[in-house]
Amino acid sequence: APVLATIDKLWKDLENDLNALATDEQYKRHGRLPIGKVGRRAFDS
């Protein structure tokens, strides 16, 4: 659990930092892009 919690924070921080590179105009025009999940299956949680 502690390792996964740290990794989950890395995922979230990476998403935030990359979206923060967009200018205000780019962000308003295109909207935030989520990072998604790896290893997804149909009808998962």
PDB file of all heavy atoms in Angstrom:
ATOM      1  N   ALA A   1       0.804  -1.229   0.000  1.00  0.00           N
ATOM      2  CA  ALA A   1       0.000   0.000   0.000  1.00  0.00           C
ATOM      3  C   ALA A   1       0.839   1.282   0.000  1.00  0.00           C
ATOM      4  O   ALA A   1       0.537   2.214  -0.768  1.00  0.00           O
ATOM      5  CB  ALA A   1      -0.969  -0.017   1.182  1.00  0.00           C
ATOM      6  N   PRO A   2       1.885   1.409   0.829  1.00  0.00           N
ATOM      7  CA  PRO A   2       2.655   2.661   0.815  1.00  0.00           C
ATOM      8  C   PRO A   2       3.316   2.934  -0.545  1.00  0.00           C
ATOM      9  O   PRO A   2       3.358   4.087  -1.001  1.00  0.00           O
ATOM     10  CB  PRO A   2       3.704   2.444   1.907  1.00  0.00           C
ATOM     11  CG  PRO A   2       3.137   1.389   2.790  1.00  0.00           C
ATOM     12  CD  PRO A   2       2.379   0.487   1.878  1.00  0.00           C
ATOM     13  N   VAL A   3       3.830   1.888  -1.181  1.00  0.00           N
ATOM     14  CA  VAL A   3       4.471   2.074  -2.491  1.00  0.00           C
ATOM     15  C   VAL A   3       3.437   2.493  -3.530  1.00  0.00           C
ATOM     16  O   VAL A   3       3.661   3.413  -4.326  1.00  0.00           O
ATOM     17  CB  VAL A   3       5.190   0.778  -2.925  1.00  0.00           C
ATOM     18  CG1 VAL A   3       5.936   1.017  -4.239  1.00  0.00           C
ATOM     19  CG2 VAL A   3       6.151   0.312  -1.852  1.00  0.00           C
ATOM     20  N   LEU A   4       2.286   1.835  -3.520  1.00  0.00           N
ATOM     21  CA  LEU A   4       1.235   2.163  -4.489  1.00  0.00           C
ATOM     22  C   LEU A   4       0.700   3.573  -4.265  1.00  0.00           C
ATOM     23  O   LEU A   4       0.389   4.282  -5.223  1.00  0.00           O
ATOM     24  CB  LEU A   4       0.098   1.143  -4.396  1.00  0.00           C
ATOM     25  CG  LEU A   4       0.403  -0.232  -4.984  1.00  0.00           C
ATOM     26  CD1 LEU A   4      -0.717  -1.214  -4.665  1.00  0.00           C
ATOM     27  CD2 LEU A   4       0.585  -0.134  -6.500  1.00  0.00           C
ATOM     28  N   ALA A   5       0.608   3.988  -3.005  1.00  0.00           N
ATOM     29  CA  ALA A   5       0.141   5.345  -2.717  1.00  0.00           C
ATOM     30  C   ALA A   5       1.111   6.378  -3.293  1.00  0.00           C
ATOM     31  O   ALA A   5       0.694   7.399  -3.859  1.00  0.00           O
ATOM     32  CB  ALA A   5      -0.018   5.535  -1.214  1.00  0.00           C
ATOM     33  N   THR A   6       2.406   6.120  -3.157  1.00  0.00           N
ATOM     34  CA  THR A   6       3.406   7.037  -3.707  1.00  0.00           C
ATOM     35  C   THR A   6       3.340   7.058  -5.236  1.00  0.00           C
ATOM     36  O   THR A   6       3.437   8.122  -5.860  1.00  0.00           O
ATOM     37  CB  THR A   6       4.818   6.611  -3.260  1.00  0.00           C
ATOM     38  OG1 THR A   6       4.869   6.574  -1.836  1.00  0.00           O
ATOM     39  CG2 THR A   6       5.866   7.592  -3.765  1.00  0.00           C
ATOM     40  N   ILE A   7       3.168   5.870  -5.840  1.00  0.00           N
ATOM     41  CA  ILE A   7       3.084   5.793  -7.300  1.00  0.00           C
ATOM     42  C   ILE A   7       1.833   6.505  -7.797  1.00  0.00           C
ATOM     43  O   ILE A   7       1.867   7.234  -8.810  1.00  0.00           O
ATOM     44  CB  ILE A   7       3.111   4.328  -7.757  1.00  0.00           C
ATOM     45  CG1 ILE A   7       4.499   3.734  -7.515  1.00  0.00           C
ATOM     46  CG2 ILE A   7       2.735   4.207  -9.225  1.00  0.00           C
ATOM     47  CD1 ILE A   7       4.589   2.253  -7.811  1.00  0.00           C
ATOM     48  N   ASP A   8       0.720   6.336  -7.108  1.00  0.00           N
ATOM     49  CA  ASP A   8      -0.510   7.023  -7.504  1.00  0.00           C
ATOM     50  C   ASP A   8      -0.329   8.537  -7.464  1.00  0.00           C
ATOM     51  O   ASP A   8      -0.856   9.264  -8.320  1.00  0.00           O
ATOM     52  CB  ASP A   8      -1.664   6.614  -6.585  1.00  0.00           C
ATOM     53  CG  ASP A   8      -2.141   5.192  -6.845  1.00  0.00           C
ATOM     54  OD1 ASP A   8      -1.855   4.657  -7.936  1.00  0.00           O
ATOM     55  OD2 ASP A   8      -2.809   4.620  -5.963  1.00  0.00           O
ATOM     56  N   LYS A   9       0.426   9.011  -6.478  1.00  0.00           N
ATOM     57  CA  LYS A   9       0.691  10.454  -6.395  1.00  0.00           C
ATOM     58  C   LYS A   9       1.570  10.902  -7.559  1.00  0.00           C
ATOM     59  O   LYS A   9       1.369  12.003  -8.112  1.00  0.00           O
ATOM     60  CB  LYS A   9       1.358  10.787  -5.063  1.00  0.00           C
ATOM     61  CG  LYS A   9       1.486  12.302  -4.820  1.00  0.00           C
ATOM     62  CD  LYS A   9       2.040  12.581  -3.441  1.00  0.00           C
ATOM     63  CE  LYS A   9       2.020  14.081  -3.149  1.00  0.00           C
ATOM     64  NZ  LYS A   9       2.700  14.881  -4.166  1.00  0.00           N
ATOM     65  N   LEU A  10       2.524  10.071  -7.959  1.00  0.00           N
ATOM     66  CA  LEU A  10       3.342  10.404  -9.121  1.00  0.00           C
ATOM     67  C   LEU A  10       2.482  10.531 -10.370  1.00  0.00           C
ATOM     68  O   LEU A  10       2.665  11.455 -11.175  1.00  0.00           O
ATOM     69  CB  LEU A  10       4.423   9.340  -9.329  1.00  0.00           C
ATOM     70  CG  LEU A  10       5.588   9.313  -8.338  1.00  0.00           C
ATOM     71  CD1 LEU A  10       6.513   8.142  -8.646  1.00  0.00           C
ATOM     72  CD2 LEU A  10       6.370  10.628  -8.391  1.00  0.00           C
ATOM     73  N   TRP A  11       1.552   9.600 -10.549  1.00  0.00           N
ATOM     74  CA  TRP A  11       0.642   9.664 -11.700  1.00  0.00           C
ATOM     75  C   TRP A  11      -0.125  10.987 -11.697  1.00  0.00           C
ATOM     76  O   TRP A  11      -0.224  11.665 -12.730  1.00  0.00           O
ATOM     77  CB  TRP A  11      -0.340   8.488 -11.657  1.00  0.00           C
ATOM     78  CG  TRP A  11       0.181   7.196 -12.185  1.00  0.00           C
ATOM     79  CD1 TRP A  11       1.110   6.380 -11.623  1.00  0.00           C
ATOM     80  CD2 TRP A  11      -0.226   6.543 -13.401  1.00  0.00           C
ATOM     81  NE1 TRP A  11       1.309   5.261 -12.398  1.00  0.00           N
ATOM     82  CE2 TRP A  11       0.501   5.340 -13.485  1.00  0.00           C
ATOM     83  CE3 TRP A  11      -1.129   6.855 -14.407  1.00  0.00           C
ATOM     84  CZ2 TRP A  11       0.354   4.457 -14.554  1.00  0.00           C
ATOM     85  CZ3 TRP A  11      -1.294   5.977 -15.461  1.00  0.00           C
ATOM     86  CH2 TRP A  11      -0.549   4.801 -15.532  1.00  0.00           C
ATOM     87  N   LYS A  12      -0.687  11.310 -10.550  1.00  0.00           N
ATOM     88  CA  LYS A  12      -1.514  12.520 -10.461  1.00  0.00           C
ATOM     89  C   LYS A  12      -0.671  13.773 -10.654  1.00  0.00           C
ATOM     90  O   LYS A  12      -1.087  14.716 -11.358  1.00  0.00           O
ATOM     91  CB  LYS A  12      -2.208  12.569  -9.101  1.00  0.00           C
ATOM     92  CG  LYS A  12      -3.315  13.605  -9.010  1.00  0.00           C
ATOM     93  CD  LYS A  12      -4.431  13.292  -9.992  1.00  0.00           C
ATOM     94  CE  LYS A  12      -5.545  14.312  -9.924  1.00  0.00           C
ATOM     95  NZ  LYS A  12      -6.601  14.031 -10.934  1.00  0.00           N
ATOM     96  N   ASP A  13       0.497  13.815 -10.049  1.00  0.00           N
ATOM     97  CA  ASP A  13       1.359  14.996 -10.183  1.00  0.00           C
ATOM     98  C   ASP A  13       1.842  15.156 -11.620  1.00  0.00           C
ATOM     99  O   ASP A  13       1.950  16.294 -12.123  1.00  0.00           O
ATOM    100  CB  ASP A  13       2.556  14.889  -9.242  1.00  0.00           C
ATOM    101  CG  ASP A  13       2.156  15.045  -7.780  1.00  0.00           C
ATOM    102  OD1 ASP A  13       1.024  15.493  -7.528  1.00  0.00           O
ATOM    103  OD2 ASP A  13       2.971  14.701  -6.894  1.00  0.00           O
ATOM    104  N   LEU A  14       2.153  14.052 -12.294  1.00  0.00           N
ATOM    105  CA  LEU A  14       2.563  14.132 -13.699  1.00  0.00           C
ATOM    106  C   LEU A  14       1.432  14.711 -14.548  1.00  0.00           C
ATOM    107  O   LEU A  14       1.668  15.578 -15.404  1.00  0.00           O
ATOM    108  CB  LEU A  14       2.953  12.741 -14.205  1.00  0.00           C
ATOM    109  CG  LEU A  14       3.279  12.637 -15.697  1.00  0.00           C
ATOM    110  CD1 LEU A  14       4.499  13.486 -16.049  1.00  0.00           C
ATOM    111  CD2 LEU A  14       3.518  11.179 -16.098  1.00  0.00           C
ATOM    112  N   GLU A  15       0.224  14.251 -14.305  1.00  0.00           N
ATOM    113  CA  GLU A  15      -0.928  14.783 -15.032  1.00  0.00           C
ATOM    114  C   GLU A  15      -1.080  16.282 -14.785  1.00  0.00           C
ATOM    115  O   GLU A  15      -1.289  17.060 -15.722  1.00  0.00           O
ATOM    116  CB  GLU A  15      -2.190  14.048 -14.591  1.00  0.00           C
ATOM    117  CG  GLU A  15      -3.467  14.577 -15.237  1.00  0.00           C
ATOM    118  CD  GLU A  15      -4.711  13.893 -14.706  1.00  0.00           C
ATOM    119  OE1 GLU A  15      -4.626  12.708 -14.286  1.00  0.00           O
ATOM    120  OE2 GLU A  15      -5.783  14.533 -14.691  1.00  0.00           O
ATOM    121  N   ASN A  16      -0.963  16.697 -13.533  1.00  0.00           N
ATOM    122  CA  ASN A  16      -1.117  18.120 -13.211  1.00  0.00           C
ATOM    123  C   ASN A  16      -0.019  18.963 -13.854  1.00  0.00           C
ATOM    124  O   ASN A  16      -0.286  20.038 -14.419  1.00  0.00           O
ATOM    125  CB  ASN A  16      -1.087  18.314 -11.692  1.00  0.00           C
ATOM    126  CG  ASN A  16      -2.325  17.748 -11.010  1.00  0.00           C
ATOM    127  OD1 ASN A  16      -3.384  17.627 -11.626  1.00  0.00           O
ATOM    128  ND2 ASN A  16      -2.199  17.393  -9.740  1.00  0.00           N
ATOM    129  N   ASP A  17       1.224  18.497 -13.776  1.00  0.00           N
ATOM    130  CA  ASP A  17       2.346  19.288 -14.297  1.00  0.00           C
ATOM    131  C   ASP A  17       2.295  19.409 -15.818  1.00  0.00           C
ATOM    132  O   ASP A  17       2.620  20.465 -16.373  1.00  0.00           O
ATOM    133  CB  ASP A  17       3.670  18.655 -13.866  1.00  0.00           C
ATOM    134  CG  ASP A  17       3.941  18.854 -12.377  1.00  0.00           C
ATOM    135  OD1 ASP A  17       3.200  19.624 -11.744  1.00  0.00           O
ATOM    136  OD2 ASP A  17       4.883  18.231 -11.858  1.00  0.00           O
ATOM    137  N   LEU A  18       1.908  18.340 -16.515  1.00  0.00           N
ATOM    138  CA  LEU A  18       1.836  18.420 -17.973  1.00  0.00           C
ATOM    139  C   LEU A  18       0.674  19.290 -18.425  1.00  0.00           C
ATOM    140  O   LEU A  18       0.794  20.059 -19.388  1.00  0.00           O
ATOM    141  CB  LEU A  18       1.726  17.022 -18.571  1.00  0.00           C
ATOM    142  CG  LEU A  18       2.990  16.170 -18.503  1.00  0.00           C
ATOM    143  CD1 LEU A  18       2.761  14.791 -19.117  1.00  0.00           C
ATOM    144  CD2 LEU A  18       4.158  16.857 -19.210  1.00  0.00           C
ATOM    145  N   ASN A  19      -0.458  19.219 -17.737  1.00  0.00           N
ATOM    146  CA  ASN A  19      -1.582  20.088 -18.091  1.00  0.00           C
ATOM    147  C   ASN A  19      -1.280  21.548 -17.772  1.00  0.00           C
ATOM    148  O   ASN A  19      -1.803  22.446 -18.430  1.00  0.00           O
ATOM    149  CB  ASN A  19      -2.845  19.648 -17.345  1.00  0.00           C
ATOM    150  CG  ASN A  19      -3.573  18.509 -18.044  1.00  0.00           C
ATOM    151  OD1 ASN A  19      -4.311  18.716 -19.012  1.00  0.00           O
ATOM    152  ND2 ASN A  19      -3.371  17.294 -17.566  1.00  0.00           N
ATOM    153  N   ALA A  20      -0.429  21.767 -16.762  1.00  0.00           N
ATOM    154  CA  ALA A  20      -0.082  23.134 -16.386  1.00  0.00           C
ATOM    155  C   ALA A  20       0.765  23.835 -17.441  1.00  0.00           C
ATOM    156  O   ALA A  20       0.898  25.068 -17.425  1.00  0.00           O
ATOM    157  CB  ALA A  20       0.650  23.134 -15.042  1.00  0.00           C
ATOM    158  N   LEU A  21       1.359  23.075 -18.371  1.00  0.00           N
ATOM    159  CA  LEU A  21       2.145  23.684 -19.441  1.00  0.00           C
ATOM    160  C   LEU A  21       1.270  24.438 -20.450  1.00  0.00           C
ATOM    161  O   LEU A  21       1.756  25.301 -21.174  1.00  0.00           O
ATOM    162  CB  LEU A  21       2.951  22.612 -20.185  1.00  0.00           C
ATOM    163  CG  LEU A  21       4.083  21.936 -19.406  1.00  0.00           C
ATOM    164  CD1 LEU A  21       4.702  20.824 -20.245  1.00  0.00           C
ATOM    165  CD2 LEU A  21       5.148  22.954 -18.996  1.00  0.00           C
ATOM    166  N   ALA A  22      -0.014  24.100 -20.505  1.00  0.00           N
ATOM    167  CA  ALA A  22      -0.905  24.747 -21.466  1.00  0.00           C
ATOM    168  C   ALA A  22      -1.155  26.198 -21.070  1.00  0.00           C
ATOM    169  O   ALA A  22      -1.245  26.531 -19.883  1.00  0.00           O
ATOM    170  CB  ALA A  22      -2.226  23.995 -21.539  1.00  0.00           C
ATOM    171  N   THR A  23      -1.232  27.068 -22.050  1.00  0.00           N
ATOM    172  CA  THR A  23      -1.596  28.457 -21.789  1.00  0.00           C
ATOM    173  C   THR A  23      -3.082  28.518 -21.436  1.00  0.00           C
ATOM    174  O   THR A  23      -3.832  27.558 -21.641  1.00  0.00           O
ATOM    175  CB  THR A  23      -1.327  29.328 -23.020  1.00  0.00           C
ATOM    176  OG1 THR A  23      -2.181  28.883 -24.103  1.00  0.00           O
ATOM    177  CG2 THR A  23       0.128  29.217 -23.460  1.00  0.00           C
ATOM    178  N   ASP A  24      -3.496  29.656 -20.902  1.00  0.00           N
ATOM    179  CA  ASP A  24      -4.917  29.822 -20.549  1.00  0.00           C
ATOM    180  C   ASP A  24      -5.805  29.636 -21.773  1.00  0.00           C
ATOM    181  O   ASP A  24      -6.878  29.024 -21.686  1.00  0.00           O
ATOM    182  CB  ASP A  24      -5.147  31.211 -19.942  1.00  0.00           C
ATOM    183  CG  ASP A  24      -4.493  31.355 -18.572  1.00  0.00           C
ATOM    184  OD1 ASP A  24      -4.202  30.309 -17.953  1.00  0.00           O
ATOM    185  OD2 ASP A  24      -4.283  32.497 -18.136  1.00  0.00           O
ATOM    186  N   GLU A  25      -5.359  30.147 -22.893  1.00  0.00           N
ATOM    187  CA  GLU A  25      -6.158  30.029 -24.123  1.00  0.00           C
ATOM    188  C   GLU A  25      -6.248  28.563 -24.559  1.00  0.00           C
ATOM    189  O   GLU A  25      -7.323  28.090 -24.948  1.00  0.00           O
ATOM    190  CB  GLU A  25      -5.523  30.861 -25.233  1.00  0.00           C
ATOM    191  CG  GLU A  25      -6.317  30.819 -26.541  1.00  0.00           C
ATOM    192  CD  GLU A  25      -5.679  31.653 -27.632  1.00  0.00           C
ATOM    193  OE1 GLU A  25      -4.695  32.376 -27.325  1.00  0.00           O
ATOM    194  OE2 GLU A  25      -6.142  31.568 -28.785  1.00  0.00           O
ATOM    195  N   GLN A  26      -5.123  27.854 -24.509  1.00  0.00           N
ATOM    196  CA  GLN A  26      -5.137  26.433 -24.876  1.00  0.00           C
ATOM    197  C   GLN A  26      -6.032  25.628 -23.942  1.00  0.00           C
ATOM    198  O   GLN A  26      -6.779  24.748 -24.380  1.00  0.00           O
ATOM    199  CB  GLN A  26      -3.708  25.872 -24.845  1.00  0.00           C
ATOM    200  CG  GLN A  26      -2.819  26.361 -25.975  1.00  0.00           C
ATOM    201  CD  GLN A  26      -1.368  25.925 -25.780  1.00  0.00           C
ATOM    202  OE1 GLN A  26      -0.880  25.794 -24.642  1.00  0.00           O
ATOM    203  NE2 GLN A  26      -0.659  25.695 -26.882  1.00  0.00           N
ATOM    204  N   TYR A  27      -5.954  25.942 -22.644  1.00  0.00           N
ATOM    205  CA  TYR A  27      -6.745  25.193 -21.667  1.00  0.00           C
ATOM    206  C   TYR A  27      -8.233  25.439 -21.876  1.00  0.00           C
ATOM    207  O   TYR A  27      -9.049  24.510 -21.812  1.00  0.00           O
ATOM    208  CB  TYR A  27      -6.336  25.600 -20.261  1.00  0.00           C
ATOM    209  CG  TYR A  27      -6.796  24.644 -19.187  1.00  0.00           C
ATOM    210  CD1 TYR A  27      -6.005  23.572 -18.802  1.00  0.00           C
ATOM    211  CD2 TYR A  27      -8.024  24.819 -18.550  1.00  0.00           C
ATOM    212  CE1 TYR A  27      -6.423  22.680 -17.820  1.00  0.00           C
ATOM    213  CE2 TYR A  27      -8.453  23.937 -17.575  1.00  0.00           C
ATOM    214  CZ  TYR A  27      -7.651  22.876 -17.216  1.00  0.00           C
ATOM    215  OH  TYR A  27      -8.074  21.999 -16.260  1.00  0.00           O
ATOM    216  N   LYS A  28      -8.605  26.686 -22.118  1.00  0.00           N
ATOM    217  CA  LYS A  28     -10.024  27.009 -22.325  1.00  0.00           C
ATOM    218  C   LYS A  28     -10.546  26.388 -23.616  1.00  0.00           C
ATOM    219  O   LYS A  28     -11.690  25.949 -23.687  1.00  0.00           O
ATOM    220  CB  LYS A  28     -10.209  28.523 -22.358  1.00  0.00           C
ATOM    221  CG  LYS A  28      -9.997  29.206 -21.012  1.00  0.00           C
ATOM    222  CD  LYS A  28     -10.158  30.713 -21.134  1.00  0.00           C
ATOM    223  CE  LYS A  28      -9.913  31.399 -19.791  1.00  0.00           C
ATOM    224  NZ  LYS A  28     -10.017  32.889 -19.909  1.00  0.00           N
ATOM    225  N   ARG A  29      -9.720  26.351 -24.627  1.00  0.00           N
ATOM    226  CA  ARG A  29     -10.161  25.848 -25.924  1.00  0.00           C
ATOM    227  C   ARG A  29     -10.286  24.330 -25.937  1.00  0.00           C
ATOM    228  O   ARG A  29     -11.239  23.800 -26.514  1.00  0.00           O
ATOM    229  CB  ARG A  29      -9.190  26.301 -27.012  1.00  0.00           C
ATOM    230  CG  ARG A  29      -9.588  25.840 -28.426  1.00  0.00           C
ATOM    231  CD  ARG A  29      -8.548  26.269 -29.445  1.00  0.00           C
ATOM    232  NE  ARG A  29      -8.346  27.714 -29.437  1.00  0.00           N
ATOM    233  CZ  ARG A  29      -7.403  28.336 -30.142  1.00  0.00           C
ATOM    234  NH1 ARG A  29      -6.553  27.625 -30.882  1.00  0.00           N
ATOM    235  NH2 ARG A  29      -7.283  29.654 -30.092  1.00  0.00           N
ATOM    236  N   HIS A  30      -9.348  23.635 -25.319  1.00  0.00           N
ATOM    237  CA  HIS A  30      -9.306  22.180 -25.447  1.00  0.00           C
ATOM    238  C   HIS A  30      -9.708  21.432 -24.175  1.00  0.00           C
ATOM    239  O   HIS A  30     -10.111  20.276 -24.264  1.00  0.00           O
ATOM    240  CB  HIS A  30      -7.897  21.740 -25.861  1.00  0.00           C
ATOM    241  CG  HIS A  30      -7.440  22.346 -27.145  1.00  0.00           C
ATOM    242  ND1 HIS A  30      -7.935  21.959 -28.379  1.00  0.00           N
ATOM    243  CD2 HIS A  30      -6.530  23.344 -27.395  1.00  0.00           C
ATOM    244  CE1 HIS A  30      -7.344  22.664 -29.331  1.00  0.00           C
ATOM    245  NE2 HIS A  30      -6.488  23.510 -28.765  1.00  0.00           N
ATOM    246  N   GLY A  31      -9.594  22.069 -23.020  1.00  0.00           N
ATOM    247  CA  GLY A  31      -9.953  21.397 -21.780  1.00  0.00           C
ATOM    248  C   GLY A  31      -8.863  20.454 -21.293  1.00  0.00           C
ATOM    249  O   GLY A  31      -7.958  20.072 -22.034  1.00  0.00           O
ATOM    250  N   ARG A  32      -8.966  20.068 -20.041  1.00  0.00           N
ATOM    251  CA  ARG A  32      -7.961  19.227 -19.399  1.00  0.00           C
ATOM    252  C   ARG A  32      -7.965  17.826 -20.012  1.00  0.00           C
ATOM    253  O   ARG A  32      -9.020  17.262 -20.302  1.00  0.00           O
ATOM    254  CB  ARG A  32      -8.251  19.139 -17.903  1.00  0.00           C
ATOM    255  CG  ARG A  32      -7.225  18.341 -17.107  1.00  0.00           C
ATOM    256  CD  ARG A  32      -7.643  18.265 -15.636  1.00  0.00           C
ATOM    257  NE  ARG A  32      -6.663  17.563 -14.837  1.00  0.00           N
ATOM    258  CZ  ARG A  32      -5.621  18.130 -14.256  1.00  0.00           C
ATOM    259  NH1 ARG A  32      -5.405  19.431 -14.407  1.00  0.00           N
ATOM    260  NH2 ARG A  32      -4.759  17.426 -13.532  1.00  0.00           N
ATOM    261  N   LEU A  33      -6.762  17.254 -20.186  1.00  0.00           N
ATOM    262  CA  LEU A  33      -6.633  15.887 -20.690  1.00  0.00           C
ATOM    263  C   LEU A  33      -6.212  14.982 -19.536  1.00  0.00           C
ATOM    264  O   LEU A  33      -5.118  15.120 -19.002  1.00  0.00           O
ATOM    265  CB  LEU A  33      -5.595  15.813 -21.808  1.00  0.00           C
ATOM    266  CG  LEU A  33      -5.401  14.421 -22.432  1.00  0.00           C
ATOM    267  CD1 LEU A  33      -6.646  14.019 -23.210  1.00  0.00           C
ATOM    268  CD2 LEU A  33      -4.174  14.393 -23.335  1.00  0.00           C
ATOM    269  N   PRO A  34      -7.063  14.041 -19.119  1.00  0.00           N
ATOM    270  CA  PRO A  34      -6.688  13.121 -18.032  1.00  0.00           C
ATOM    271  C   PRO A  34      -5.656  12.115 -18.487  1.00  0.00           C
ATOM    272  O   PRO A  34      -5.583  11.761 -19.669  1.00  0.00           O
ATOM    273  CB  PRO A  34      -8.018  12.448 -17.671  1.00  0.00           C
ATOM    274  CG  PRO A  34      -8.840  12.544 -18.919  1.00  0.00           C
ATOM    275  CD  PRO A  34      -8.442  13.824 -19.587  1.00  0.00           C
ATOM    276  N   ILE A  35      -4.888  11.611 -17.539  1.00  0.00           N
ATOM    277  CA  ILE A  35      -3.811  10.682 -17.872  1.00  0.00           C
ATOM    278  C   ILE A  35      -4.341   9.277 -18.128  1.00  0.00           C
ATOM    279  O   ILE A  35      -3.708   8.483 -18.814  1.00  0.00           O
ATOM    280  CB  ILE A  35      -2.754  10.662 -16.741  1.00  0.00           C
ATOM    281  CG1 ILE A  35      -1.473   9.977 -17.212  1.00  0.00           C
ATOM    282  CG2 ILE A  35      -3.298  10.012 -15.481  1.00  0.00           C
ATOM    283  CD1 ILE A  35      -0.310  10.138 -16.239  1.00  0.00           C
ATOM    284  N   GLY A  36      -5.508   8.961 -17.590  1.00  0.00           N
ATOM    285  CA  GLY A  36      -6.074   7.631 -17.807  1.00  0.00           C
ATOM    286  C   GLY A  36      -5.429   6.581 -16.911  1.00  0.00           C
ATOM    287  O   GLY A  36      -4.658   6.890 -15.998  1.00  0.00           O
ATOM    288  N   LYS A  37      -5.749   5.340 -17.173  1.00  0.00           N
ATOM    289  CA  LYS A  37      -5.244   4.212 -16.392  1.00  0.00           C
ATOM    290  C   LYS A  37      -4.582   3.211 -17.315  1.00  0.00           C
ATOM    291  O   LYS A  37      -4.934   3.099 -18.490  1.00  0.00           O
ATOM    292  CB  LYS A  37      -6.386   3.512 -15.647  1.00  0.00           C
ATOM    293  CG  LYS A  37      -7.258   4.433 -14.803  1.00  0.00           C
ATOM    294  CD  LYS A  37      -6.541   4.878 -13.553  1.00  0.00           C
ATOM    295  CE  LYS A  37      -7.472   5.655 -12.637  1.00  0.00           C
ATOM    296  NZ  LYS A  37      -6.778   6.151 -11.427  1.00  0.00           N
ATOM    297  N   VAL A  38      -3.652   2.459 -16.764  1.00  0.00           N
ATOM    298  CA  VAL A  38      -2.988   1.406 -17.516  1.00  0.00           C
ATOM    299  C   VAL A  38      -3.601   0.066 -17.120  1.00  0.00           C
ATOM    300  O   VAL A  38      -3.982  -0.145 -15.963  1.00  0.00           O
ATOM    301  CB  VAL A  38      -1.464   1.409 -17.244  1.00  0.00           C
ATOM    302  CG1 VAL A  38      -1.173   1.108 -15.795  1.00  0.00           C
ATOM    303  CG2 VAL A  38      -0.742   0.448 -18.162  1.00  0.00           C
ATOM    304  N   GLY A  39      -3.748  -0.838 -18.084  1.00  0.00           N
ATOM    305  CA  GLY A  39      -4.287  -2.160 -17.786  1.00  0.00           C
ATOM    306  C   GLY A  39      -5.785  -2.182 -17.599  1.00  0.00           C
ATOM    307  O   GLY A  39      -6.306  -3.028 -16.864  1.00  0.00           O
ATOM    308  N   ARG A  40      -6.494  -1.277 -18.267  1.00  0.00           N
ATOM    309  CA  ARG A  40      -7.958  -1.233 -18.143  1.00  0.00           C
ATOM    310  C   ARG A  40      -8.611  -2.436 -18.808  1.00  0.00           C
ATOM    311  O   ARG A  40      -8.115  -2.980 -19.789  1.00  0.00           O
ATOM    312  CB  ARG A  40      -8.505   0.029 -18.797  1.00  0.00           C
ATOM    313  CG  ARG A  40      -8.250   1.329 -18.053  1.00  0.00           C
ATOM    314  CD  ARG A  40      -9.116   1.453 -16.829  1.00  0.00           C
ATOM    315  NE  ARG A  40     -10.501   1.175 -17.116  1.00  0.00           N
ATOM    316  CZ  ARG A  40     -11.367   2.065 -17.644  1.00  0.00           C
ATOM    317  NH1 ARG A  40     -10.952   3.279 -17.945  1.00  0.00           N
ATOM    318  NH2 ARG A  40     -12.627   1.722 -17.858  1.00  0.00           N
ATOM    319  N   ARG A  41      -9.769  -2.863 -18.248  1.00  0.00           N
ATOM    320  CA  ARG A  41     -10.605  -3.903 -18.831  1.00  0.00           C
ATOM    321  C   ARG A  41     -12.021  -3.367 -18.974  1.00  0.00           C
ATOM    322  O   ARG A  41     -12.405  -2.410 -18.294  1.00  0.00           O
ATOM    323  CB  ARG A  41     -10.631  -5.170 -17.955  1.00  0.00           C
ATOM    324  CG  ARG A  41      -9.298  -5.828 -17.756  1.00  0.00           C
ATOM    325  CD  ARG A  41      -9.458  -7.177 -17.041  1.00  0.00           C
ATOM    326  NE  ARG A  41     -10.203  -7.044 -15.809  1.00  0.00           N
ATOM    327  CZ  ARG A  41      -9.639  -6.759 -14.630  1.00  0.00           C
ATOM    328  NH1 ARG A  41      -8.336  -6.556 -14.565  1.00  0.00           N
ATOM    329  NH2 ARG A  41     -10.374  -6.665 -13.548  1.00  0.00           N
ATOM    330  N   ALA A  42     -12.796  -4.006 -19.842  1.00  0.00           N
ATOM    331  CA  ALA A  42     -14.184  -3.585 -20.025  1.00  0.00           C
ATOM    332  C   ALA A  42     -14.969  -3.809 -18.736  1.00  0.00           C
ATOM    333  O   ALA A  42     -14.807  -4.824 -18.067  1.00  0.00           O
ATOM    334  CB  ALA A  42     -14.818  -4.367 -21.175  1.00  0.00           C
ATOM    335  N   PHE A  43     -15.785  -2.831 -18.363  1.00  0.00           N
ATOM    336  CA  PHE A  43     -16.664  -2.922 -17.205  1.00  0.00           C
ATOM    337  C   PHE A  43     -15.894  -3.158 -15.900  1.00  0.00           C
ATOM    338  O   PHE A  43     -16.334  -3.903 -15.032  1.00  0.00           O
ATOM    339  CB  PHE A  43     -17.718  -4.019 -17.402  1.00  0.00           C
ATOM    340  CG  PHE A  43     -18.532  -3.861 -18.659  1.00  0.00           C
ATOM    341  CD1 PHE A  43     -18.348  -4.720 -19.725  1.00  0.00           C
ATOM    342  CD2 PHE A  43     -19.446  -2.835 -18.774  1.00  0.00           C
ATOM    343  CE1 PHE A  43     -19.076  -4.566 -20.895  1.00  0.00           C
ATOM    344  CE2 PHE A  43     -20.192  -2.668 -19.939  1.00  0.00           C
ATOM    345  CZ  PHE A  43     -20.011  -3.536 -20.998  1.00  0.00           C
ATOM    346  N   ASP A  44     -14.730  -2.515 -15.783  1.00  0.00           N
ATOM    347  CA  ASP A  44     -13.986  -2.626 -14.544  1.00  0.00           C
ATOM    348  C   ASP A  44     -14.453  -1.557 -13.559  1.00  0.00           C
ATOM    349  O   ASP A  44     -15.418  -0.820 -13.821  1.00  0.00           O
ATOM    350  CB  ASP A  44     -12.483  -2.532 -14.800  1.00  0.00           C
ATOM    351  CG  ASP A  44     -12.084  -1.219 -15.456  1.00  0.00           C
ATOM    352  OD1 ASP A  44     -12.929  -0.308 -15.553  1.00  0.00           O
ATOM    353  OD2 ASP A  44     -10.920  -1.100 -15.900  1.00  0.00           O
ATOM    354  N   SER A  45     -13.796  -1.475 -12.409  1.00  0.00           N
ATOM    355  CA  SER A  45     -14.233  -0.541 -11.376  1.00  0.00           C
ATOM    356  C   SER A  45     -14.115   0.917 -11.822  1.00  0.00           C
ATOM    357  O   SER A  45     -14.905   1.764 -11.377  1.00  0.00           O
ATOM    358  CB  SER A  45     -13.418  -0.760 -10.097  1.00  0.00           C
ATOM    359  OG  SER A  45     -12.028  -0.595 -10.339  1.00  0.00           O
TER     360      SER A  45
END
